[in-house]
Every structure is written in C-alpha cells, then in structure tokens.
Amino acid sequence: TADIAIRSALTGHLVFSTLHTNDAPSAVTR
C-alpha cells in the first residue's frame, strides 16, 4: 500500500493517508 501510494504521489497525484505513530517524525521511521 505504501509503495503504490508513494509512486502515485510521484506520478502527478495528490495522496492523503494516515499512519499509526506517536509523532510526526516517527512516520518516516515507520
């Protein structure tokens, strides 16, 4: 899911999504 969402964002789409992490920087690590 992450791979398709990110590649969609790279090919001209605006993508919104959610993640379960404690703070904003932890989303990158996740």
PDB file of all heavy atoms in Angstrom:
ATOM      1  N   THR A   1       0.838  -1.209   0.000  1.00  0.00           N
ATOM      2  CA  THR A   1       0.000   0.000   0.000  1.00  0.00           C
ATOM      3  C   THR A   1       0.868   1.252   0.000  1.00  0.00           C
ATOM      4  O   THR A   1       0.616   2.203  -0.745  1.00  0.00           O
ATOM      5  CB  THR A   1      -0.928   0.010   1.235  1.00  0.00           C
ATOM      6  OG1 THR A   1      -1.648  -1.224   1.301  1.00  0.00           O
ATOM      7  CG2 THR A   1      -1.919   1.167   1.171  1.00  0.00           C
ATOM      8  N   ALA A   2       1.894   1.253   0.858  1.00  0.00           N
ATOM      9  CA  ALA A   2       2.796   2.418   0.953  1.00  0.00           C
ATOM     10  C   ALA A   2       3.482   2.675  -0.383  1.00  0.00           C
ATOM     11  O   ALA A   2       3.565   3.826  -0.843  1.00  0.00           O
ATOM     12  CB  ALA A   2       3.837   2.178   2.035  1.00  0.00           C
ATOM     13  N   ASP A   3       3.947   1.611  -1.019  1.00  0.00           N
ATOM     14  CA  ASP A   3       4.682   1.749  -2.282  1.00  0.00           C
ATOM     15  C   ASP A   3       3.793   2.326  -3.379  1.00  0.00           C
ATOM     16  O   ASP A   3       4.195   3.248  -4.102  1.00  0.00           O
ATOM     17  CB  ASP A   3       5.225   0.373  -2.700  1.00  0.00           C
ATOM     18  CG  ASP A   3       6.266   0.485  -3.798  1.00  0.00           C
ATOM     19  OD1 ASP A   3       7.214   1.271  -3.629  1.00  0.00           O
ATOM     20  OD2 ASP A   3       6.119  -0.197  -4.826  1.00  0.00           O
ATOM     21  N   ILE A   4       2.546   1.812  -3.501  1.00  0.00           N
ATOM     22  CA  ILE A   4       1.634   2.305  -4.548  1.00  0.00           C
ATOM     23  C   ILE A   4       1.253   3.754  -4.266  1.00  0.00           C
ATOM     24  O   ILE A   4       1.209   4.595  -5.176  1.00  0.00           O
ATOM     25  CB  ILE A   4       0.368   1.421  -4.640  1.00  0.00           C
ATOM     26  CG1 ILE A   4       0.739  -0.017  -4.983  1.00  0.00           C
ATOM     27  CG2 ILE A   4      -0.587   1.972  -5.697  1.00  0.00           C
ATOM     28  CD1 ILE A   4      -0.391  -1.013  -4.810  1.00  0.00           C
ATOM     29  N   ALA A   5       0.984   4.071  -2.974  1.00  0.00           N
ATOM     30  CA  ALA A   5       0.594   5.441  -2.603  1.00  0.00           C
ATOM     31  C   ALA A   5       1.704   6.433  -2.938  1.00  0.00           C
ATOM     32  O   ALA A   5       1.452   7.503  -3.501  1.00  0.00           O
ATOM     33  CB  ALA A   5       0.259   5.492  -1.116  1.00  0.00           C
ATOM     34  N   ILE A   6       2.931   6.072  -2.599  1.00  0.00           N
ATOM     35  CA  ILE A   6       4.060   6.986  -2.825  1.00  0.00           C
ATOM     36  C   ILE A   6       4.368   7.127  -4.311  1.00  0.00           C
ATOM     37  O   ILE A   6       4.616   8.230  -4.808  1.00  0.00           O
ATOM     38  CB  ILE A   6       5.294   6.509  -2.024  1.00  0.00           C
ATOM     39  CG1 ILE A   6       5.071   6.813  -0.541  1.00  0.00           C
ATOM     40  CG2 ILE A   6       6.570   7.186  -2.510  1.00  0.00           C
ATOM     41  CD1 ILE A   6       6.005   6.136   0.398  1.00  0.00           C
ATOM     42  N   ARG A   7       4.299   6.028  -5.054  1.00  0.00           N
ATOM     43  CA  ARG A   7       4.544   6.110  -6.503  1.00  0.00           C
ATOM     44  C   ARG A   7       3.425   6.885  -7.207  1.00  0.00           C
ATOM     45  O   ARG A   7       3.664   7.564  -8.205  1.00  0.00           O
ATOM     46  CB  ARG A   7       4.718   4.710  -7.093  1.00  0.00           C
ATOM     47  CG  ARG A   7       6.024   4.075  -6.642  1.00  0.00           C
ATOM     48  CD  ARG A   7       6.279   2.727  -7.277  1.00  0.00           C
ATOM     49  NE  ARG A   7       7.438   2.089  -6.658  1.00  0.00           N
ATOM     50  CZ  ARG A   7       8.706   2.350  -6.954  1.00  0.00           C
ATOM     51  NH1 ARG A   7       8.996   3.265  -7.858  1.00  0.00           N
ATOM     52  NH2 ARG A   7       9.688   1.717  -6.339  1.00  0.00           N
ATOM     53  N   SER A   8       2.205   6.801  -6.672  1.00  0.00           N
ATOM     54  CA  SER A   8       1.095   7.603  -7.213  1.00  0.00           C
ATOM     55  C   SER A   8       1.368   9.086  -6.996  1.00  0.00           C
ATOM     56  O   SER A   8       1.120   9.917  -7.875  1.00  0.00           O
ATOM     57  CB  SER A   8      -0.220   7.229  -6.525  1.00  0.00           C
ATOM     58  OG  SER A   8      -0.534   5.879  -6.725  1.00  0.00           O
ATOM     59  N   ALA A   9       1.906   9.412  -5.807  1.00  0.00           N
ATOM     60  CA  ALA A   9       2.244  10.807  -5.498  1.00  0.00           C
ATOM     61  C   ALA A   9       3.344  11.323  -6.421  1.00  0.00           C
ATOM     62  O   ALA A   9       3.375  12.506  -6.768  1.00  0.00           O
ATOM     63  CB  ALA A   9       2.680  10.920  -4.036  1.00  0.00           C
ATOM     64  N   LEU A  10       4.241  10.427  -6.834  1.00  0.00           N
ATOM     65  CA  LEU A  10       5.350  10.814  -7.707  1.00  0.00           C
ATOM     66  C   LEU A  10       4.923  10.960  -9.170  1.00  0.00           C
ATOM     67  O   LEU A  10       5.647  11.535  -9.978  1.00  0.00           O
ATOM     68  CB  LEU A  10       6.486   9.788  -7.613  1.00  0.00           C
ATOM     69  CG  LEU A  10       7.278   9.776  -6.300  1.00  0.00           C
ATOM     70  CD1 LEU A  10       8.175   8.552  -6.237  1.00  0.00           C
ATOM     71  CD2 LEU A  10       8.091  11.051  -6.157  1.00  0.00           C
ATOM     72  N   THR A  11       3.754  10.395  -9.499  1.00  0.00           N
ATOM     73  CA  THR A  11       3.304  10.433 -10.898  1.00  0.00           C
ATOM     74  C   THR A  11       2.128  11.381 -11.103  1.00  0.00           C
ATOM     75  O   THR A  11       1.269  11.143 -11.952  1.00  0.00           O
ATOM     76  CB  THR A  11       2.941   9.015 -11.388  1.00  0.00           C
ATOM     77  OG1 THR A  11       1.998   8.426 -10.463  1.00  0.00           O
ATOM     78  CG2 THR A  11       4.168   8.138 -11.482  1.00  0.00           C
ATOM     79  N   GLY A  12       2.082  12.440 -10.287  1.00  0.00           N
ATOM     80  CA  GLY A  12       1.118  13.501 -10.560  1.00  0.00           C
ATOM     81  C   GLY A  12      -0.175  13.477  -9.779  1.00  0.00           C
ATOM     82  O   GLY A  12      -1.095  14.226 -10.103  1.00  0.00           O
ATOM     83  N   HIS A  13      -0.279  12.619  -8.736  1.00  0.00           N
ATOM     84  CA  HIS A  13      -1.485  12.581  -7.932  1.00  0.00           C
ATOM     85  C   HIS A  13      -1.221  13.195  -6.557  1.00  0.00           C
ATOM     86  O   HIS A  13      -0.118  13.080  -6.029  1.00  0.00           O
ATOM     87  CB  HIS A  13      -1.976  11.142  -7.729  1.00  0.00           C
ATOM     88  CG  HIS A  13      -2.212  10.403  -9.010  1.00  0.00           C
ATOM     89  ND1 HIS A  13      -1.219   9.667  -9.634  1.00  0.00           N
ATOM     90  CD2 HIS A  13      -3.317  10.298  -9.791  1.00  0.00           C
ATOM     91  CE1 HIS A  13      -1.711   9.128 -10.741  1.00  0.00           C
ATOM     92  NE2 HIS A  13      -2.982   9.503 -10.860  1.00  0.00           N
ATOM     93  N   LEU A  14      -2.256  13.812  -5.980  1.00  0.00           N
ATOM     94  CA  LEU A  14      -2.184  14.269  -4.595  1.00  0.00           C
ATOM     95  C   LEU A  14      -2.790  13.171  -3.740  1.00  0.00           C
ATOM     96  O   LEU A  14      -3.943  12.782  -3.945  1.00  0.00           O
ATOM     97  CB  LEU A  14      -2.960  15.577  -4.424  1.00  0.00           C
ATOM     98  CG  LEU A  14      -2.983  16.172  -3.006  1.00  0.00           C
ATOM     99  CD1 LEU A  14      -1.572  16.500  -2.521  1.00  0.00           C
ATOM    100  CD2 LEU A  14      -3.854  17.422  -2.954  1.00  0.00           C
ATOM    101  N   VAL A  15      -1.992  12.638  -2.804  1.00  0.00           N
ATOM    102  CA  VAL A  15      -2.422  11.489  -2.000  1.00  0.00           C
ATOM    103  C   VAL A  15      -2.499  11.873  -0.522  1.00  0.00           C
ATOM    104  O   VAL A  15      -1.574  12.487   0.019  1.00  0.00           O
ATOM    105  CB  VAL A  15      -1.441  10.295  -2.173  1.00  0.00           C
ATOM    106  CG1 VAL A  15      -1.897   9.100  -1.350  1.00  0.00           C
ATOM    107  CG2 VAL A  15      -1.308   9.921  -3.649  1.00  0.00           C
ATOM    108  N   PHE A  16      -3.611  11.505   0.109  1.00  0.00           N
ATOM    109  CA  PHE A  16      -3.779  11.678   1.556  1.00  0.00           C
ATOM    110  C   PHE A  16      -3.857  10.295   2.185  1.00  0.00           C
ATOM    111  O   PHE A  16      -4.483   9.386   1.631  1.00  0.00           O
ATOM    112  CB  PHE A  16      -5.086  12.413   1.893  1.00  0.00           C
ATOM    113  CG  PHE A  16      -5.160  13.818   1.379  1.00  0.00           C
ATOM    114  CD1 PHE A  16      -6.320  14.298   0.779  1.00  0.00           C
ATOM    115  CD2 PHE A  16      -4.093  14.679   1.507  1.00  0.00           C
ATOM    116  CE1 PHE A  16      -6.405  15.596   0.314  1.00  0.00           C
ATOM    117  CE2 PHE A  16      -4.156  15.984   1.048  1.00  0.00           C
ATOM    118  CZ  PHE A  16      -5.321  16.441   0.458  1.00  0.00           C
ATOM    119  N   SER A  17      -3.247  10.140   3.366  1.00  0.00           N
ATOM    120  CA  SER A  17      -3.387   8.870   4.081  1.00  0.00           C
ATOM    121  C   SER A  17      -3.068   9.048   5.556  1.00  0.00           C
ATOM    122  O   SER A  17      -2.671  10.138   5.989  1.00  0.00           O
ATOM    123  CB  SER A  17      -2.478   7.797   3.477  1.00  0.00           C
ATOM    124  OG  SER A  17      -2.844   6.522   3.986  1.00  0.00           O
ATOM    125  N   THR A  18      -3.252   7.965   6.331  1.00  0.00           N
ATOM    126  CA  THR A  18      -2.983   8.003   7.769  1.00  0.00           C
ATOM    127  C   THR A  18      -2.013   6.884   8.146  1.00  0.00           C
ATOM    128  O   THR A  18      -1.875   5.884   7.431  1.00  0.00           O
ATOM    129  CB  THR A  18      -4.272   7.827   8.603  1.00  0.00           C
ATOM    130  OG1 THR A  18      -4.756   6.469   8.470  1.00  0.00           O
ATOM    131  CG2 THR A  18      -5.351   8.794   8.157  1.00  0.00           C
ATOM    132  N   LEU A  19      -1.356   7.087   9.286  1.00  0.00           N
ATOM    133  CA  LEU A  19      -0.440   6.096   9.865  1.00  0.00           C
ATOM    134  C   LEU A  19      -0.629   6.095  11.375  1.00  0.00           C
ATOM    135  O   LEU A  19      -1.040   7.110  11.949  1.00  0.00           O
ATOM    136  CB  LEU A  19       1.015   6.473   9.575  1.00  0.00           C
ATOM    137  CG  LEU A  19       1.715   5.960   8.327  1.00  0.00           C
ATOM    138  CD1 LEU A  19       3.120   6.545   8.285  1.00  0.00           C
ATOM    139  CD2 LEU A  19       1.792   4.445   8.289  1.00  0.00           C
ATOM    140  N   HIS A  20      -0.298   4.990  12.010  1.00  0.00           N
ATOM    141  CA  HIS A  20      -0.346   4.938  13.478  1.00  0.00           C
ATOM    142  C   HIS A  20       1.057   5.129  14.030  1.00  0.00           C
ATOM    143  O   HIS A  20       1.835   4.177  14.134  1.00  0.00           O
ATOM    144  CB  HIS A  20      -0.924   3.599  13.948  1.00  0.00           C
ATOM    145  CG  HIS A  20      -2.399   3.480  13.746  1.00  0.00           C
ATOM    146  ND1 HIS A  20      -3.322   3.917  14.664  1.00  0.00           N
ATOM    147  CD2 HIS A  20      -3.108   2.999  12.701  1.00  0.00           C
ATOM    148  CE1 HIS A  20      -4.536   3.697  14.199  1.00  0.00           C
ATOM    149  NE2 HIS A  20      -4.439   3.134  13.014  1.00  0.00           N
ATOM    150  N   THR A  21       1.419   6.375  14.347  1.00  0.00           N
ATOM    151  CA  THR A  21       2.704   6.654  15.005  1.00  0.00           C
ATOM    152  C   THR A  21       2.473   7.705  16.095  1.00  0.00           C
ATOM    153  O   THR A  21       1.467   8.413  16.079  1.00  0.00           O
ATOM    154  CB  THR A  21       3.774   7.177  14.018  1.00  0.00           C
ATOM    155  OG1 THR A  21       3.337   8.419  13.462  1.00  0.00           O
ATOM    156  CG2 THR A  21       4.023   6.190  12.896  1.00  0.00           C
ATOM    157  N   ASN A  22       3.418   7.814  17.033  1.00  0.00           N
ATOM    158  CA  ASN A  22       3.253   8.727  18.161  1.00  0.00           C
ATOM    159  C   ASN A  22       3.378  10.193  17.776  1.00  0.00           C
ATOM    160  O   ASN A  22       2.685  11.044  18.312  1.00  0.00           O
ATOM    161  CB  ASN A  22       4.269   8.400  19.268  1.00  0.00           C
ATOM    162  CG  ASN A  22       3.852   7.187  20.064  1.00  0.00           C
ATOM    163  OD1 ASN A  22       2.676   6.856  20.130  1.00  0.00           O
ATOM    164  ND2 ASN A  22       4.812   6.510  20.652  1.00  0.00           N
ATOM    165  N   ASP A  23       4.326  10.495  16.882  1.00  0.00           N
ATOM    166  CA  ASP A  23       4.513  11.889  16.476  1.00  0.00           C
ATOM    167  C   ASP A  23       4.814  11.950  14.979  1.00  0.00           C
ATOM    168  O   ASP A  23       4.892  10.919  14.312  1.00  0.00           O
ATOM    169  CB  ASP A  23       5.620  12.561  17.307  1.00  0.00           C
ATOM    170  CG  ASP A  23       6.968  11.864  17.179  1.00  0.00           C
ATOM    171  OD1 ASP A  23       7.096  10.948  16.330  1.00  0.00           O
ATOM    172  OD2 ASP A  23       7.908  12.231  17.898  1.00  0.00           O
ATOM    173  N   ALA A  24       4.974  13.163  14.455  1.00  0.00           N
ATOM    174  CA  ALA A  24       5.159  13.329  13.011  1.00  0.00           C
ATOM    175  C   ALA A  24       6.461  12.717  12.485  1.00  0.00           C
ATOM    176  O   ALA A  24       6.434  11.959  11.506  1.00  0.00           O
ATOM    177  CB  ALA A  24       5.056  14.821  12.664  1.00  0.00           C
ATOM    178  N   PRO A  25       7.637  12.995  13.093  1.00  0.00           N
ATOM    179  CA  PRO A  25       8.879  12.416  12.563  1.00  0.00           C
ATOM    180  C   PRO A  25       8.902  10.888  12.572  1.00  0.00           C
ATOM    181  O   PRO A  25       9.542  10.269  11.728  1.00  0.00           O
ATOM    182  CB  PRO A  25       9.961  12.990  13.494  1.00  0.00           C
ATOM    183  CG  PRO A  25       9.368  14.259  14.026  1.00  0.00           C
ATOM    184  CD  PRO A  25       7.916  13.946  14.189  1.00  0.00           C
ATOM    185  N   SER A  26       8.196  10.268  13.531  1.00  0.00           N
ATOM    186  CA  SER A  26       8.175   8.798  13.615  1.00  0.00           C
ATOM    187  C   SER A  26       7.522   8.159  12.400  1.00  0.00           C
ATOM    188  O   SER A  26       7.743   6.972  12.124  1.00  0.00           O
ATOM    189  CB  SER A  26       7.431   8.340  14.877  1.00  0.00           C
ATOM    190  OG  SER A  26       8.080   8.799  16.030  1.00  0.00           O
ATOM    191  N   ALA A  27       6.704   8.919  11.660  1.00  0.00           N
ATOM    192  CA  ALA A  27       6.057   8.382  10.458  1.00  0.00           C
ATOM    193  C   ALA A  27       7.098   8.005   9.413  1.00  0.00           C
ATOM    194  O   ALA A  27       6.941   7.000   8.701  1.00  0.00           O
ATOM    195  CB  ALA A  27       5.084   9.413   9.892  1.00  0.00           C
ATOM    196  N   VAL A  28       8.162   8.792   9.324  1.00  0.00           N
ATOM    197  CA  VAL A  28       9.237   8.487   8.366  1.00  0.00           C
ATOM    198  C   VAL A  28       9.899   7.175   8.741  1.00  0.00           C
ATOM    199  O   VAL A  28      10.103   6.289   7.901  1.00  0.00           O
ATOM    200  CB  VAL A  28      10.286   9.628   8.339  1.00  0.00           C
ATOM    201  CG1 VAL A  28      11.461   9.251   7.455  1.00  0.00           C
ATOM    202  CG2 VAL A  28       9.642  10.925   7.854  1.00  0.00           C
ATOM    203  N   THR A  29      10.241   7.015  10.021  1.00  0.00           N
ATOM    204  CA  THR A  29      10.871   5.780  10.505  1.00  0.00           C
ATOM    205  C   THR A  29       9.973   4.575  10.245  1.00  0.00           C
ATOM    206  O   THR A  29      10.442   3.516   9.821  1.00  0.00           O
ATOM    207  CB  THR A  29      11.158   5.889  12.018  1.00  0.00           C
ATOM    208  OG1 THR A  29      11.862   7.098  12.268  1.00  0.00           O
ATOM    209  CG2 THR A  29      11.975   4.713  12.512  1.00  0.00           C
ATOM    210  N   ARG A  30       8.681   4.758  10.496  1.00  0.00           N
ATOM    211  CA  ARG A  30       7.713   3.666  10.285  1.00  0.00           C
ATOM    212  C   ARG A  30       7.681   3.225   8.825  1.00  0.00           C
ATOM    213  O   ARG A  30       7.685   2.028   8.515  1.00  0.00           O
ATOM    214  CB  ARG A  30       6.330   4.145  10.715  1.00  0.00           C
ATOM    215  CG  ARG A  30       5.199   3.163  10.470  1.00  0.00           C
ATOM    216  CD  ARG A  30       4.977   2.275  11.685  1.00  0.00           C
ATOM    217  NE  ARG A  30       3.851   1.381  11.464  1.00  0.00           N
ATOM    218  CZ  ARG A  30       3.951   0.161  10.940  1.00  0.00           C
ATOM    219  NH1 ARG A  30       5.136  -0.314  10.581  1.00  0.00           N
ATOM    220  NH2 ARG A  30       2.910  -0.602  10.782  1.00  0.00           N
TER     221      ARG A  30
END
